N, C-alpha and C. Protein backbone atom coordinates (compact mmCIF):
# COMPACT_ATOMS: atom_id res chain seq x y z
N MET A 1 -12.64 15.58 -18.75
CA MET A 1 -11.26 15.46 -19.20
C MET A 1 -10.29 16.05 -18.18
N ILE A 2 -10.57 17.27 -17.73
CA ILE A 2 -9.68 17.94 -16.77
C ILE A 2 -10.50 18.28 -15.53
N ASN A 3 -9.94 17.97 -14.38
CA ASN A 3 -10.65 18.17 -13.13
C ASN A 3 -9.78 18.99 -12.18
N LYS A 4 -10.24 20.18 -11.84
CA LYS A 4 -9.49 21.01 -10.91
C LYS A 4 -9.78 20.56 -9.49
N ILE A 5 -8.73 20.22 -8.75
CA ILE A 5 -8.87 19.77 -7.37
C ILE A 5 -8.86 20.96 -6.42
N PHE A 6 -7.95 21.90 -6.64
CA PHE A 6 -7.94 23.13 -5.85
C PHE A 6 -7.19 24.23 -6.58
N SER A 7 -7.46 25.44 -6.15
CA SER A 7 -6.76 26.62 -6.66
C SER A 7 -6.70 27.63 -5.53
N ASN A 8 -5.53 28.21 -5.32
CA ASN A 8 -5.38 29.26 -4.32
C ASN A 8 -4.41 30.31 -4.87
N LYS A 9 -3.93 31.18 -4.04
CA LYS A 9 -3.06 32.26 -4.51
C LYS A 9 -1.72 31.78 -5.04
N LYS A 10 -1.31 30.60 -4.61
CA LYS A 10 0.02 30.11 -4.95
C LYS A 10 0.02 28.92 -5.92
N ASN A 11 -0.96 28.03 -5.78
CA ASN A 11 -0.96 26.78 -6.52
C ASN A 11 -2.31 26.47 -7.15
N VAL A 12 -2.24 25.71 -8.25
CA VAL A 12 -3.43 25.13 -8.88
C VAL A 12 -3.09 23.66 -9.13
N TYR A 13 -4.05 22.77 -8.86
CA TYR A 13 -3.82 21.34 -9.03
C TYR A 13 -4.94 20.75 -9.88
N PHE A 14 -4.55 20.12 -10.99
CA PHE A 14 -5.48 19.47 -11.91
C PHE A 14 -5.19 17.98 -12.00
N VAL A 15 -6.22 17.20 -12.23
CA VAL A 15 -6.08 15.80 -12.58
C VAL A 15 -6.64 15.64 -14.00
N ILE A 16 -5.85 15.03 -14.86
CA ILE A 16 -6.30 14.74 -16.22
C ILE A 16 -6.93 13.36 -16.19
N GLU A 17 -8.18 13.27 -16.60
CA GLU A 17 -8.96 12.03 -16.45
C GLU A 17 -8.84 11.09 -17.65
N ASN A 18 -8.20 11.51 -18.75
CA ASN A 18 -8.16 10.71 -19.96
C ASN A 18 -6.76 10.68 -20.55
N ASP A 19 -6.62 9.85 -21.58
CA ASP A 19 -5.39 9.87 -22.37
C ASP A 19 -5.36 11.17 -23.16
N LEU A 20 -4.17 11.64 -23.50
CA LEU A 20 -4.02 12.86 -24.30
C LEU A 20 -3.62 12.44 -25.70
N LYS A 21 -4.60 12.47 -26.61
CA LYS A 21 -4.34 12.06 -27.98
C LYS A 21 -5.09 12.97 -28.94
N MET A 22 -4.79 12.82 -30.21
CA MET A 22 -5.29 13.73 -31.23
C MET A 22 -6.81 13.94 -31.14
N GLU A 23 -7.56 12.91 -30.83
CA GLU A 23 -9.02 13.01 -30.81
C GLU A 23 -9.56 13.95 -29.74
N ASN A 24 -8.83 14.15 -28.65
CA ASN A 24 -9.38 14.95 -27.54
C ASN A 24 -8.47 16.08 -27.07
N VAL A 25 -7.30 16.19 -27.63
CA VAL A 25 -6.32 17.12 -27.07
C VAL A 25 -6.75 18.58 -27.20
N HIS A 26 -7.50 18.92 -28.24
CA HIS A 26 -7.95 20.31 -28.37
C HIS A 26 -8.93 20.67 -27.25
N PHE A 27 -9.77 19.71 -26.83
CA PHE A 27 -10.66 19.95 -25.69
C PHE A 27 -9.86 20.16 -24.42
N PHE A 28 -8.83 19.34 -24.23
CA PHE A 28 -7.95 19.46 -23.06
C PHE A 28 -7.32 20.86 -23.01
N TYR A 29 -6.74 21.28 -24.11
CA TYR A 29 -6.06 22.58 -24.14
C TYR A 29 -7.04 23.72 -23.90
N GLU A 30 -8.16 23.71 -24.59
CA GLU A 30 -9.16 24.78 -24.42
C GLU A 30 -9.72 24.81 -23.00
N ASP A 31 -10.03 23.63 -22.44
CA ASP A 31 -10.53 23.58 -21.07
C ASP A 31 -9.48 24.10 -20.08
N PHE A 32 -8.25 23.75 -20.34
CA PHE A 32 -7.17 24.15 -19.44
C PHE A 32 -7.00 25.67 -19.40
N ILE A 33 -6.81 26.29 -20.55
CA ILE A 33 -6.52 27.73 -20.55
C ILE A 33 -7.72 28.56 -20.12
N ARG A 34 -8.91 28.02 -20.20
CA ARG A 34 -10.11 28.73 -19.80
C ARG A 34 -10.39 28.56 -18.29
N GLU A 35 -9.70 27.64 -17.65
CA GLU A 35 -10.04 27.18 -16.31
C GLU A 35 -9.81 28.19 -15.18
N ASP A 36 -8.71 28.94 -15.20
CA ASP A 36 -8.38 29.71 -14.00
C ASP A 36 -7.43 30.86 -14.32
N ASP A 37 -7.25 31.72 -13.34
CA ASP A 37 -6.24 32.76 -13.40
C ASP A 37 -4.91 32.15 -13.01
N PHE A 38 -3.96 32.13 -13.93
CA PHE A 38 -2.70 31.43 -13.71
C PHE A 38 -1.52 32.33 -13.37
N VAL A 39 -1.75 33.58 -13.10
CA VAL A 39 -0.64 34.50 -12.90
C VAL A 39 0.16 34.16 -11.64
N ARG A 40 1.47 33.97 -11.83
CA ARG A 40 2.44 33.70 -10.77
C ARG A 40 2.02 32.54 -9.86
N LYS A 41 1.72 31.41 -10.47
CA LYS A 41 1.33 30.23 -9.71
C LYS A 41 2.14 29.01 -10.18
N SER A 42 2.21 28.04 -9.31
CA SER A 42 2.70 26.72 -9.69
C SER A 42 1.47 25.92 -10.09
N VAL A 43 1.51 25.37 -11.30
CA VAL A 43 0.37 24.64 -11.84
C VAL A 43 0.74 23.17 -11.94
N PHE A 44 0.10 22.37 -11.11
CA PHE A 44 0.37 20.94 -11.04
C PHE A 44 -0.63 20.21 -11.93
N VAL A 45 -0.11 19.37 -12.82
CA VAL A 45 -0.95 18.56 -13.69
C VAL A 45 -0.66 17.10 -13.37
N ASP A 46 -1.65 16.45 -12.78
CA ASP A 46 -1.53 15.06 -12.35
C ASP A 46 -1.97 14.15 -13.49
N LEU A 47 -1.02 13.36 -13.98
CA LEU A 47 -1.29 12.44 -15.10
C LEU A 47 -1.42 10.99 -14.64
N SER A 48 -1.69 10.77 -13.36
CA SER A 48 -1.75 9.40 -12.85
C SER A 48 -2.90 8.59 -13.45
N LYS A 49 -3.92 9.25 -13.99
CA LYS A 49 -5.03 8.55 -14.65
C LYS A 49 -4.85 8.51 -16.16
N THR A 50 -3.75 9.03 -16.65
CA THR A 50 -3.47 9.07 -18.08
C THR A 50 -2.55 7.90 -18.42
N ARG A 51 -3.00 7.05 -19.32
CA ARG A 51 -2.21 5.87 -19.70
C ARG A 51 -1.35 6.12 -20.93
N PHE A 52 -1.77 7.08 -21.78
CA PHE A 52 -1.12 7.25 -23.07
C PHE A 52 -1.13 8.72 -23.47
N ILE A 53 -0.03 9.17 -24.04
CA ILE A 53 0.07 10.52 -24.59
C ILE A 53 0.70 10.39 -25.97
N ASP A 54 0.00 10.87 -27.02
CA ASP A 54 0.61 10.86 -28.35
C ASP A 54 1.27 12.20 -28.61
N SER A 55 1.78 12.38 -29.82
CA SER A 55 2.52 13.61 -30.13
C SER A 55 1.64 14.85 -30.01
N SER A 56 0.35 14.72 -30.29
CA SER A 56 -0.57 15.85 -30.12
C SER A 56 -0.68 16.24 -28.65
N GLY A 57 -0.72 15.23 -27.77
CA GLY A 57 -0.78 15.48 -26.33
C GLY A 57 0.48 16.15 -25.83
N VAL A 58 1.63 15.69 -26.34
CA VAL A 58 2.90 16.32 -25.98
C VAL A 58 2.90 17.78 -26.44
N GLY A 59 2.42 18.00 -27.66
CA GLY A 59 2.35 19.38 -28.17
C GLY A 59 1.48 20.27 -27.31
N ALA A 60 0.35 19.73 -26.84
CA ALA A 60 -0.53 20.51 -25.97
C ALA A 60 0.14 20.83 -24.65
N LEU A 61 0.88 19.87 -24.08
CA LEU A 61 1.60 20.14 -22.83
C LEU A 61 2.66 21.21 -23.04
N ILE A 62 3.34 21.18 -24.17
CA ILE A 62 4.34 22.22 -24.48
C ILE A 62 3.66 23.57 -24.63
N GLN A 63 2.52 23.61 -25.33
CA GLN A 63 1.78 24.87 -25.47
C GLN A 63 1.33 25.40 -24.11
N ILE A 64 0.86 24.51 -23.25
CA ILE A 64 0.43 24.93 -21.91
C ILE A 64 1.62 25.46 -21.12
N SER A 65 2.76 24.81 -21.23
CA SER A 65 3.96 25.27 -20.54
C SER A 65 4.34 26.68 -21.01
N GLU A 66 4.28 26.91 -22.31
CA GLU A 66 4.59 28.25 -22.85
C GLU A 66 3.55 29.28 -22.41
N PHE A 67 2.29 28.90 -22.42
CA PHE A 67 1.20 29.77 -21.95
C PHE A 67 1.45 30.18 -20.49
N LEU A 68 1.83 29.21 -19.66
CA LEU A 68 2.07 29.50 -18.25
C LEU A 68 3.29 30.38 -18.05
N LYS A 69 4.33 30.19 -18.85
CA LYS A 69 5.51 31.05 -18.75
C LYS A 69 5.15 32.50 -19.02
N GLN A 70 4.24 32.74 -19.95
CA GLN A 70 3.79 34.11 -20.23
C GLN A 70 3.06 34.71 -19.04
N LYS A 71 2.52 33.87 -18.18
CA LYS A 71 1.81 34.31 -16.98
C LYS A 71 2.72 34.29 -15.76
N SER A 72 4.02 34.10 -15.97
CA SER A 72 5.00 33.98 -14.88
C SER A 72 4.66 32.81 -13.95
N SER A 73 4.14 31.75 -14.54
CA SER A 73 3.78 30.55 -13.80
C SER A 73 4.62 29.38 -14.29
N LYS A 74 4.52 28.27 -13.56
CA LYS A 74 5.33 27.11 -13.88
C LYS A 74 4.47 25.86 -13.90
N LEU A 75 4.69 25.01 -14.90
CA LEU A 75 4.01 23.73 -15.02
C LEU A 75 4.83 22.65 -14.33
N LEU A 76 4.17 21.88 -13.47
CA LEU A 76 4.80 20.72 -12.82
C LEU A 76 3.93 19.51 -13.13
N ILE A 77 4.54 18.46 -13.67
CA ILE A 77 3.81 17.26 -14.05
C ILE A 77 4.05 16.19 -12.99
N ILE A 78 2.93 15.57 -12.57
CA ILE A 78 2.97 14.58 -11.50
C ILE A 78 2.34 13.28 -11.98
N GLY A 79 2.82 12.17 -11.44
CA GLY A 79 2.14 10.89 -11.57
C GLY A 79 2.21 10.23 -12.94
N ILE A 80 3.28 10.44 -13.67
CA ILE A 80 3.35 9.78 -14.97
C ILE A 80 3.68 8.30 -14.80
N ASN A 81 3.09 7.49 -15.66
CA ASN A 81 3.35 6.05 -15.58
C ASN A 81 4.68 5.71 -16.24
N LYS A 82 5.04 4.45 -16.16
CA LYS A 82 6.35 4.01 -16.64
C LYS A 82 6.54 4.25 -18.13
N SER A 83 5.51 3.95 -18.94
CA SER A 83 5.67 4.12 -20.39
C SER A 83 5.77 5.59 -20.79
N ILE A 84 4.99 6.45 -20.15
CA ILE A 84 5.08 7.89 -20.44
C ILE A 84 6.43 8.42 -19.96
N ASN A 85 6.88 7.97 -18.80
CA ASN A 85 8.19 8.37 -18.29
C ASN A 85 9.30 7.98 -19.26
N THR A 86 9.23 6.76 -19.78
CA THR A 86 10.22 6.30 -20.75
C THR A 86 10.20 7.17 -22.01
N MET A 87 9.00 7.45 -22.52
CA MET A 87 8.87 8.29 -23.71
C MET A 87 9.44 9.69 -23.45
N PHE A 88 9.15 10.26 -22.28
CA PHE A 88 9.67 11.58 -21.94
C PHE A 88 11.20 11.57 -21.91
N HIS A 89 11.78 10.53 -21.33
CA HIS A 89 13.24 10.44 -21.25
C HIS A 89 13.88 10.21 -22.61
N LEU A 90 13.32 9.31 -23.41
CA LEU A 90 13.89 9.02 -24.73
C LEU A 90 13.81 10.23 -25.66
N SER A 91 12.76 11.03 -25.51
CA SER A 91 12.59 12.19 -26.39
C SER A 91 13.21 13.46 -25.82
N GLY A 92 13.73 13.39 -24.60
CA GLY A 92 14.33 14.57 -23.97
C GLY A 92 13.31 15.49 -23.31
N LEU A 93 12.05 15.07 -23.26
CA LEU A 93 11.02 15.92 -22.65
C LEU A 93 11.19 16.05 -21.14
N ASN A 94 11.92 15.13 -20.54
CA ASN A 94 12.21 15.26 -19.11
C ASN A 94 13.08 16.48 -18.85
N GLN A 95 13.73 17.02 -19.88
CA GLN A 95 14.51 18.25 -19.76
C GLN A 95 13.64 19.49 -20.01
N VAL A 96 12.50 19.28 -20.66
CA VAL A 96 11.58 20.38 -20.98
C VAL A 96 10.60 20.62 -19.84
N PHE A 97 10.09 19.54 -19.25
CA PHE A 97 9.08 19.62 -18.20
C PHE A 97 9.70 19.33 -16.84
N THR A 98 9.12 19.93 -15.81
CA THR A 98 9.46 19.57 -14.44
C THR A 98 8.54 18.42 -14.06
N ILE A 99 9.14 17.27 -13.81
CA ILE A 99 8.38 16.06 -13.49
C ILE A 99 8.73 15.66 -12.06
N ILE A 100 7.70 15.50 -11.24
CA ILE A 100 7.93 15.10 -9.86
C ILE A 100 7.05 13.90 -9.52
N ASP A 101 7.50 13.07 -8.56
CA ASP A 101 6.62 11.99 -8.13
C ASP A 101 5.75 12.47 -6.99
N LYS A 102 4.67 11.73 -6.80
CA LYS A 102 3.69 12.12 -5.78
C LYS A 102 4.31 12.18 -4.39
N GLU A 103 5.33 11.37 -4.13
CA GLU A 103 5.97 11.38 -2.82
C GLU A 103 6.64 12.72 -2.54
N LYS A 104 7.08 13.41 -3.57
CA LYS A 104 7.77 14.69 -3.40
C LYS A 104 6.83 15.88 -3.32
N LEU A 105 5.52 15.64 -3.45
CA LEU A 105 4.56 16.74 -3.38
C LEU A 105 4.62 17.49 -2.06
N LYS A 106 4.99 16.78 -0.99
CA LYS A 106 5.05 17.41 0.33
C LYS A 106 6.03 18.57 0.37
N SER A 107 7.03 18.56 -0.50
CA SER A 107 7.98 19.66 -0.53
C SER A 107 7.46 20.84 -1.35
N TYR A 108 6.36 20.65 -2.06
CA TYR A 108 5.78 21.71 -2.89
C TYR A 108 4.46 22.25 -2.35
N LEU A 109 3.70 21.40 -1.65
CA LEU A 109 2.35 21.75 -1.24
C LEU A 109 2.20 21.70 0.28
N SER A 110 1.21 22.42 0.78
CA SER A 110 0.91 22.40 2.21
C SER A 110 0.18 21.10 2.56
N GLU A 111 0.11 20.81 3.85
CA GLU A 111 -0.61 19.61 4.29
C GLU A 111 -2.09 19.68 3.92
N GLU A 112 -2.65 20.88 3.99
CA GLU A 112 -4.06 21.05 3.61
C GLU A 112 -4.26 20.72 2.14
N GLU A 113 -3.35 21.18 1.29
CA GLU A 113 -3.44 20.89 -0.14
C GLU A 113 -3.25 19.39 -0.41
N ILE A 114 -2.33 18.78 0.30
CA ILE A 114 -2.10 17.33 0.16
C ILE A 114 -3.36 16.56 0.55
N SER A 115 -4.04 17.00 1.60
CA SER A 115 -5.26 16.29 2.02
C SER A 115 -6.37 16.43 0.98
N LEU A 116 -6.44 17.57 0.28
CA LEU A 116 -7.43 17.73 -0.79
C LEU A 116 -7.17 16.74 -1.93
N ILE A 117 -5.92 16.52 -2.23
CA ILE A 117 -5.56 15.56 -3.28
C ILE A 117 -5.87 14.14 -2.82
N SER A 118 -5.57 13.85 -1.57
CA SER A 118 -5.78 12.50 -1.04
C SER A 118 -7.25 12.13 -0.99
N GLU A 119 -8.11 13.11 -0.85
CA GLU A 119 -9.55 12.85 -0.79
C GLU A 119 -10.09 12.39 -2.13
N ARG A 120 -9.38 12.62 -3.20
CA ARG A 120 -9.81 12.24 -4.56
C ARG A 120 -9.72 10.80 -4.76
């Protein structure tokens, strides 16, 4: 469900391999918070392989965002498809989450980190 691509002192990068819906979202949340030390990091969640997010998935992303804030970290969402992007905008979630496109990753990550993502 969740695949960690890299983690260092500054950044963590995950790819979500499935849709986020009621049937699996508790596994996603539990796997996520158990995964790494998140203190003072930028946490990138790549949703480019995620086709659908239901309200349970949105709730889990909000919980993760709050969890990361307690760790002085920040959630950045990458690679959302057109339908998820539309849903985020219509519901105002684009104001809740930091959403960036993959082209803008170069302003957030080092070339070495970008190459680790590209190898996937």
